[in-house]
C-alpha cells in the first residue's frame, strides 16, 4: 500500500511538473510577443515624431511663401 501511494504521489508530481512546463512555455511566448509589440510601438512613435516635424516644416514653408 505504501508503494502504491508513493507511485500515485510520484505520478501527481510529474503531472504538476508537466503543467508547470506548459505554463512556462506560454509565459515565454507571451513575453516574446510583448517585447515585439513594445518595439513596434517604439518604432511607430519615432515615425510619428518624424511625420510631425515634416508637417510642421511643410506648413511653415507654405506660410513663408
PDB file of N, CA and C in Angstrom:
ATOM      1  N   UNK A   1       0.830  -1.192   0.000  1.00  0.00           N
ATOM      2  CA  UNK A   1       0.000   0.000   0.000  1.00  0.00           C
ATOM      3  C   UNK A   1       0.877   1.260   0.000  1.00  0.00           C
ATOM      4  N   UNK A   2       1.949   1.246   0.760  1.00  0.00           N
ATOM      5  CA  UNK A   2       2.856   2.398   0.796  1.00  0.00           C
ATOM      6  C   UNK A   2       3.448   2.630  -0.599  1.00  0.00           C
ATOM      7  N   UNK A   3       3.849   1.546  -1.256  1.00  0.00           N
ATOM      8  CA  UNK A   3       4.423   1.656  -2.599  1.00  0.00           C
ATOM      9  C   UNK A   3       3.390   2.227  -3.570  1.00  0.00           C
ATOM     10  N   UNK A   4       2.167   1.765  -3.453  1.00  0.00           N
ATOM     11  CA  UNK A   4       1.093   2.269  -4.325  1.00  0.00           C
ATOM     12  C   UNK A   4       0.873   3.758  -4.097  1.00  0.00           C
ATOM     13  N   UNK A   5       0.848   4.162  -2.825  1.00  0.00           N
ATOM     14  CA  UNK A   5       0.661   5.578  -2.503  1.00  0.00           C
ATOM     15  C   UNK A   5       1.837   6.420  -3.001  1.00  0.00           C
ATOM     16  N   UNK A   6       3.033   5.904  -2.878  1.00  0.00           N
ATOM     17  CA  UNK A   6       4.224   6.632  -3.351  1.00  0.00           C
ATOM     18  C   UNK A   6       4.202   6.765  -4.874  1.00  0.00           C
ATOM     19  N   UNK A   7       3.774   5.702  -5.547  1.00  0.00           N
ATOM     20  CA  UNK A   7       3.670   5.738  -7.010  1.00  0.00           C
ATOM     21  C   UNK A   7       2.634   6.774  -7.443  1.00  0.00           C
ATOM     22  N   UNK A   8       1.524   6.786  -6.767  1.00  0.00           N
ATOM     23  CA  UNK A   8       0.472   7.754  -7.070  1.00  0.00           C
ATOM     24  C   UNK A   8       0.970   9.180  -6.832  1.00  0.00           C
ATOM     25  N   UNK A   9       1.672   9.381  -5.726  1.00  0.00           N
ATOM     26  CA  UNK A   9       2.213  10.703  -5.414  1.00  0.00           C
ATOM     27  C   UNK A   9       3.237  11.128  -6.470  1.00  0.00           C
ATOM     28  N   UNK A  10       4.074  10.208  -6.882  1.00  0.00           N
ATOM     29  CA  UNK A  10       5.077  10.500  -7.906  1.00  0.00           C
ATOM     30  C   UNK A  10       4.406  10.883  -9.219  1.00  0.00           C
ATOM     31  N   UNK A  11       3.380  10.162  -9.587  1.00  0.00           N
ATOM     32  CA  UNK A  11       2.648  10.483 -10.808  1.00  0.00           C
ATOM     33  C   UNK A  11       2.011  11.869 -10.721  1.00  0.00           C
ATOM     34  N   UNK A  12       1.486  12.186  -9.556  1.00  0.00           N
ATOM     35  CA  UNK A  12       0.888  13.509  -9.354  1.00  0.00           C
ATOM     36  C   UNK A  12       1.918  14.613  -9.499  1.00  0.00           C
ATOM     37  N   UNK A  13       3.095  14.405  -8.931  1.00  0.00           N
ATOM     38  CA  UNK A  13       4.174  15.401  -9.037  1.00  0.00           C
ATOM     39  C   UNK A  13       4.605  15.559 -10.491  1.00  0.00           C
ATOM     40  N   UNK A  14       4.683  14.446 -11.214  1.00  0.00           N
ATOM     41  CA  UNK A  14       5.060  14.506 -12.625  1.00  0.00           C
ATOM     42  C   UNK A  14       4.026  15.273 -13.442  1.00  0.00           C
ATOM     43  N   UNK A  15       2.755  15.086 -13.134  1.00  0.00           N
ATOM     44  CA  UNK A  15       1.700  15.823 -13.830  1.00  0.00           C
ATOM     45  C   UNK A  15       1.796  17.314 -13.522  1.00  0.00           C
ATOM     46  N   UNK A  16       2.068  17.636 -12.278  1.00  0.00           N
ATOM     47  CA  UNK A  16       2.223  19.042 -11.893  1.00  0.00           C
ATOM     48  C   UNK A  16       3.410  19.650 -12.624  1.00  0.00           C
ATOM     49  N   UNK A  17       4.528  18.931 -12.662  1.00  0.00           N
ATOM     50  CA  UNK A  17       5.709  19.429 -13.372  1.00  0.00           C
ATOM     51  C   UNK A  17       5.406  19.650 -14.847  1.00  0.00           C
ATOM     52  N   UNK A  18       4.660  18.729 -15.445  1.00  0.00           N
ATOM     53  CA  UNK A  18       4.265  18.892 -16.847  1.00  0.00           C
ATOM     54  C   UNK A  18       3.412  20.126 -17.039  1.00  0.00           C
ATOM     55  N   UNK A  19       2.481  20.349 -16.124  1.00  0.00           N
ATOM     56  CA  UNK A  19       1.634  21.549 -16.193  1.00  0.00           C
ATOM     57  C   UNK A  19       2.441  22.815 -16.053  1.00  0.00           C
ATOM     58  N   UNK A  20       3.395  22.801 -15.162  1.00  0.00           N
ATOM     59  CA  UNK A  20       4.254  23.970 -14.968  1.00  0.00           C
ATOM     60  C   UNK A  20       5.066  24.247 -16.231  1.00  0.00           C
ATOM     61  N   UNK A  21       5.544  23.200 -16.884  1.00  0.00           N
ATOM     62  CA  UNK A  21       6.299  23.371 -18.123  1.00  0.00           C
ATOM     63  C   UNK A  21       5.432  24.000 -19.211  1.00  0.00           C
ATOM     64  N   UNK A  22       4.190  23.565 -19.292  1.00  0.00           N
ATOM     65  CA  UNK A  22       3.265  24.132 -20.280  1.00  0.00           C
ATOM     66  C   UNK A  22       3.026  25.607 -19.980  1.00  0.00           C
ATOM     67  N   UNK A  23       2.810  25.919 -18.729  1.00  0.00           N
ATOM     68  CA  UNK A  23       2.589  27.319 -18.335  1.00  0.00           C
ATOM     69  C   UNK A  23       3.813  28.160 -18.644  1.00  0.00           C
ATOM     70  N   UNK A  24       5.007  27.638 -18.359  1.00  0.00           N
ATOM     71  CA  UNK A  24       6.237  28.374 -18.641  1.00  0.00           C
ATOM     72  C   UNK A  24       6.372  28.634 -20.131  1.00  0.00           C
ATOM     73  N   UNK A  25       6.052  27.644 -20.950  1.00  0.00           N
ATOM     74  CA  UNK A  25       6.109  27.836 -22.397  1.00  0.00           C
ATOM     75  C   UNK A  25       5.170  28.933 -22.846  1.00  0.00           C
ATOM     76  N   UNK A  26       3.972  28.950 -22.300  1.00  0.00           N
ATOM     77  CA  UNK A  26       3.019  30.011 -22.628  1.00  0.00           C
ATOM     78  C   UNK A  26       3.497  31.363 -22.160  1.00  0.00           C
ATOM     79  N   UNK A  27       4.079  31.405 -20.994  1.00  0.00           N
ATOM     80  CA  UNK A  27       4.604  32.661 -20.458  1.00  0.00           C
ATOM     81  C   UNK A  27       5.757  33.172 -21.313  1.00  0.00           C
ATOM     82  N   UNK A  28       6.633  32.273 -21.735  1.00  0.00           N
ATOM     83  CA  UNK A  28       7.752  32.667 -22.594  1.00  0.00           C
ATOM     84  C   UNK A  28       7.237  33.253 -23.908  1.00  0.00           C
ATOM     85  N   UNK A  29       6.233  32.612 -24.495  1.00  0.00           N
ATOM     86  CA  UNK A  29       5.658  33.107 -25.748  1.00  0.00           C
ATOM     87  C   UNK A  29       5.032  34.480 -25.553  1.00  0.00           C
ATOM     88  N   UNK A  30       4.343  34.653 -24.447  1.00  0.00           N
ATOM     89  CA  UNK A  30       3.717  35.942 -24.156  1.00  0.00           C
ATOM     90  C   UNK A  30       4.770  37.026 -23.966  1.00  0.00           C
ATOM     91  N   UNK A  31       5.855  36.693 -23.297  1.00  0.00           N
ATOM     92  CA  UNK A  31       6.937  37.656 -23.085  1.00  0.00           C
ATOM     93  C   UNK A  31       7.527  38.097 -24.418  1.00  0.00           C
ATOM     94  N   UNK A  32       7.773  37.159 -25.301  1.00  0.00           N
ATOM     95  CA  UNK A  32       8.336  37.488 -26.615  1.00  0.00           C
ATOM     96  C   UNK A  32       7.367  38.374 -27.396  1.00  0.00           C
ATOM     97  N   UNK A  33       6.090  38.024 -27.395  1.00  0.00           N
ATOM     98  CA  UNK A  33       5.091  38.815 -28.116  1.00  0.00           C
ATOM     99  C   UNK A  33       4.995  40.222 -27.543  1.00  0.00           C
ATOM    100  N   UNK A  34       5.055  40.343 -26.227  1.00  0.00           N
ATOM    101  CA  UNK A  34       5.004  41.654 -25.578  1.00  0.00           C
ATOM    102  C   UNK A  34       6.201  42.496 -25.974  1.00  0.00           C
ATOM    103  N   UNK A  35       7.379  41.901 -26.033  1.00  0.00           N
ATOM    104  CA  UNK A  35       8.575  42.627 -26.453  1.00  0.00           C
ATOM    105  C   UNK A  35       8.452  43.100 -27.898  1.00  0.00           C
ATOM    106  N   UNK A  36       7.876  42.271 -28.754  1.00  0.00           N
ATOM    107  CA  UNK A  36       7.688  42.655 -30.150  1.00  0.00           C
ATOM    108  C   UNK A  36       6.705  43.813 -30.274  1.00  0.00           C
ATOM    109  N   UNK A  37       5.626  43.775 -29.510  1.00  0.00           N
ATOM    110  CA  UNK A  37       4.654  44.865 -29.533  1.00  0.00           C
ATOM    111  C   UNK A  37       5.292  46.149 -29.018  1.00  0.00           C
ATOM    112  N   UNK A  38       6.081  46.055 -27.963  1.00  0.00           N
ATOM    113  CA  UNK A  38       6.758  47.233 -27.415  1.00  0.00           C
ATOM    114  C   UNK A  38       7.696  47.846 -28.445  1.00  0.00           C
ATOM    115  N   UNK A  39       8.462  47.021 -29.144  1.00  0.00           N
ATOM    116  CA  UNK A  39       9.382  47.516 -30.169  1.00  0.00           C
ATOM    117  C   UNK A  39       8.609  48.169 -31.317  1.00  0.00           C
ATOM    118  N   UNK A  40       7.509  47.567 -31.716  1.00  0.00           N
ATOM    119  CA  UNK A  40       6.677  48.151 -32.776  1.00  0.00           C
ATOM    120  C   UNK A  40       6.121  49.505 -32.337  1.00  0.00           C
ATOM    121  N   UNK A  41       5.719  49.612 -31.085  1.00  0.00           N
ATOM    122  CA  UNK A  41       5.203  50.885 -30.564  1.00  0.00           C
ATOM    123  C   UNK A  41       6.297  51.944 -30.548  1.00  0.00           C
ATOM    124  N   UNK A  42       7.512  51.547 -30.195  1.00  0.00           N
ATOM    125  CA  UNK A  42       8.627  52.499 -30.210  1.00  0.00           C
ATOM    126  C   UNK A  42       8.894  52.995 -31.628  1.00  0.00           C
ATOM    127  N   UNK A  43       8.899  52.071 -32.567  1.00  0.00           N
ATOM    128  CA  UNK A  43       9.142  52.451 -33.959  1.00  0.00           C
ATOM    129  C   UNK A  43       8.035  53.370 -34.472  1.00  0.00           C
ATOM    130  N   UNK A  44       6.796  53.081 -34.106  1.00  0.00           N
ATOM    131  CA  UNK A  44       5.673  53.919 -34.507  1.00  0.00           C
ATOM    132  C   UNK A  44       5.798  55.316 -33.913  1.00  0.00           C
ATOM    133  N   UNK A  45       6.243  55.395 -32.678  1.00  0.00           N
ATOM    134  CA  UNK A  45       6.434  56.685 -32.029  1.00  0.00           C
ATOM    135  C   UNK A  45       7.502  57.519 -32.755  1.00  0.00           C
ATOM    136  N   UNK A  46       8.590  56.878 -33.137  1.00  0.00           N
ATOM    137  CA  UNK A  46       9.650  57.578 -33.870  1.00  0.00           C
ATOM    138  C   UNK A  46       9.107  58.085 -35.203  1.00  0.00           C
ATOM    139  N   UNK A  47       8.366  57.244 -35.904  1.00  0.00           N
ATOM    140  CA  UNK A  47       7.797  57.638 -37.193  1.00  0.00           C
ATOM    141  C   UNK A  47       6.803  58.794 -37.015  1.00  0.00           C
ATOM    142  N   UNK A  48       6.015  58.765 -35.947  1.00  0.00           N
ATOM    143  CA  UNK A  48       5.052  59.840 -35.689  1.00  0.00           C
ATOM    144  C   UNK A  48       5.780  61.153 -35.422  1.00  0.00           C
ATOM    145  N   UNK A  49       6.883  61.100 -34.685  1.00  0.00           N
ATOM    146  CA  UNK A  49       7.660  62.317 -34.426  1.00  0.00           C
ATOM    147  C   UNK A  49       8.238  62.874 -35.724  1.00  0.00           C
ATOM    148  N   UNK A  50       8.744  61.999 -36.591  1.00  0.00           N
ATOM    149  CA  UNK A  50       9.283  62.441 -37.875  1.00  0.00           C
ATOM    150  C   UNK A  50       8.195  63.079 -38.728  1.00  0.00           C
ATOM    151  N   UNK A  51       7.023  62.435 -38.752  1.00  0.00           N
ATOM    152  CA  UNK A  51       5.927  62.970 -39.546  1.00  0.00           C
ATOM    153  C   UNK A  51       5.482  64.321 -39.007  1.00  0.00           C
ATOM    154  N   UNK A  52       5.425  64.448 -37.698  1.00  0.00           N
ATOM    155  CA  UNK A  52       5.052  65.722 -37.075  1.00  0.00           C
ATOM    156  C   UNK A  52       6.018  66.825 -37.501  1.00  0.00           C
ATOM    157  N   UNK A  53       7.298  66.526 -37.498  1.00  0.00           N
ATOM    158  CA  UNK A  53       8.304  67.505 -37.910  1.00  0.00           C
ATOM    159  C   UNK A  53       8.127  67.869 -39.377  1.00  0.00           C
ATOM    160  N   UNK A  54       7.876  66.868 -40.218  1.00  0.00           N
ATOM    161  CA  UNK A  54       7.680  67.123 -41.649  1.00  0.00           C
ATOM    162  C   UNK A  54       6.465  68.011 -41.887  1.00  0.00           C
ATOM    163  N   UNK A  55       5.364  67.754 -41.197  1.00  0.00           N
ATOM    164  CA  UNK A  55       4.150  68.556 -41.359  1.00  0.00           C
ATOM    165  C   UNK A  55       4.398  69.982 -40.898  1.00  0.00           C
ATOM    166  N   UNK A  56       5.060  70.141 -39.766  1.00  0.00           N
ATOM    167  CA  UNK A  56       5.352  71.488 -39.268  1.00  0.00           C
ATOM    168  C   UNK A  56       6.248  72.253 -40.241  1.00  0.00           C
ATOM    169  N   UNK A  57       7.246  71.578 -40.779  1.00  0.00           N
ATOM    170  CA  UNK A  57       8.138  72.212 -41.751  1.00  0.00           C
ATOM    171  C   UNK A  57       7.360  72.591 -43.005  1.00  0.00           C
ATOM    172  N   UNK A  58       6.517  71.707 -43.482  1.00  0.00           N
ATOM    173  CA  UNK A  58       5.698  71.968 -44.658  1.00  0.00           C
ATOM    174  C   UNK A  58       4.809  73.184 -44.446  1.00  0.00           C
ATOM    175  N   UNK A  59       4.110  73.218 -43.307  1.00  0.00           N
ATOM    176  CA  UNK A  59       3.228  74.344 -43.020  1.00  0.00           C
ATOM    177  C   UNK A  59       3.995  75.651 -42.869  1.00  0.00           C
ATOM    178  N   UNK A  60       5.152  75.601 -42.243  1.00  0.00           N
ATOM    179  CA  UNK A  60       5.998  76.795 -42.103  1.00  0.00           C
ATOM    180  C   UNK A  60       6.419  77.311 -43.472  1.00  0.00           C
ATOM    181  N   UNK A  61       6.801  76.398 -44.355  1.00  0.00           N
ATOM    182  CA  UNK A  61       7.220  76.786 -45.706  1.00  0.00           C
ATOM    183  C   UNK A  61       6.064  77.399 -46.491  1.00  0.00           C
ATOM    184  N   UNK A  62       4.870  76.839 -46.329  1.00  0.00           N
ATOM    185  CA  UNK A  62       3.703  77.387 -47.024  1.00  0.00           C
ATOM    186  C   UNK A  62       3.391  78.796 -46.520  1.00  0.00           C
ATOM    187  N   UNK A  63       3.444  78.982 -45.221  1.00  0.00           N
ATOM    188  CA  UNK A  63       3.157  80.299 -44.641  1.00  0.00           C
ATOM    189  C   UNK A  63       4.206  81.321 -45.038  1.00  0.00           C
ATOM    190  N   UNK A  64       5.429  80.863 -45.217  1.00  0.00           N
ATOM    191  CA  UNK A  64       6.522  81.769 -45.575  1.00  0.00           C
ATOM    192  C   UNK A  64       6.448  82.180 -47.045  1.00  0.00           C
ATOM    193  N   UNK A  65       5.751  81.412 -47.860  1.00  0.00           N
ATOM    194  CA  UNK A  65       5.715  81.696 -49.305  1.00  0.00           C
ATOM    195  C   UNK A  65       4.773  82.811 -49.659  1.00  0.00           C
TER     196      UNK A  65
END
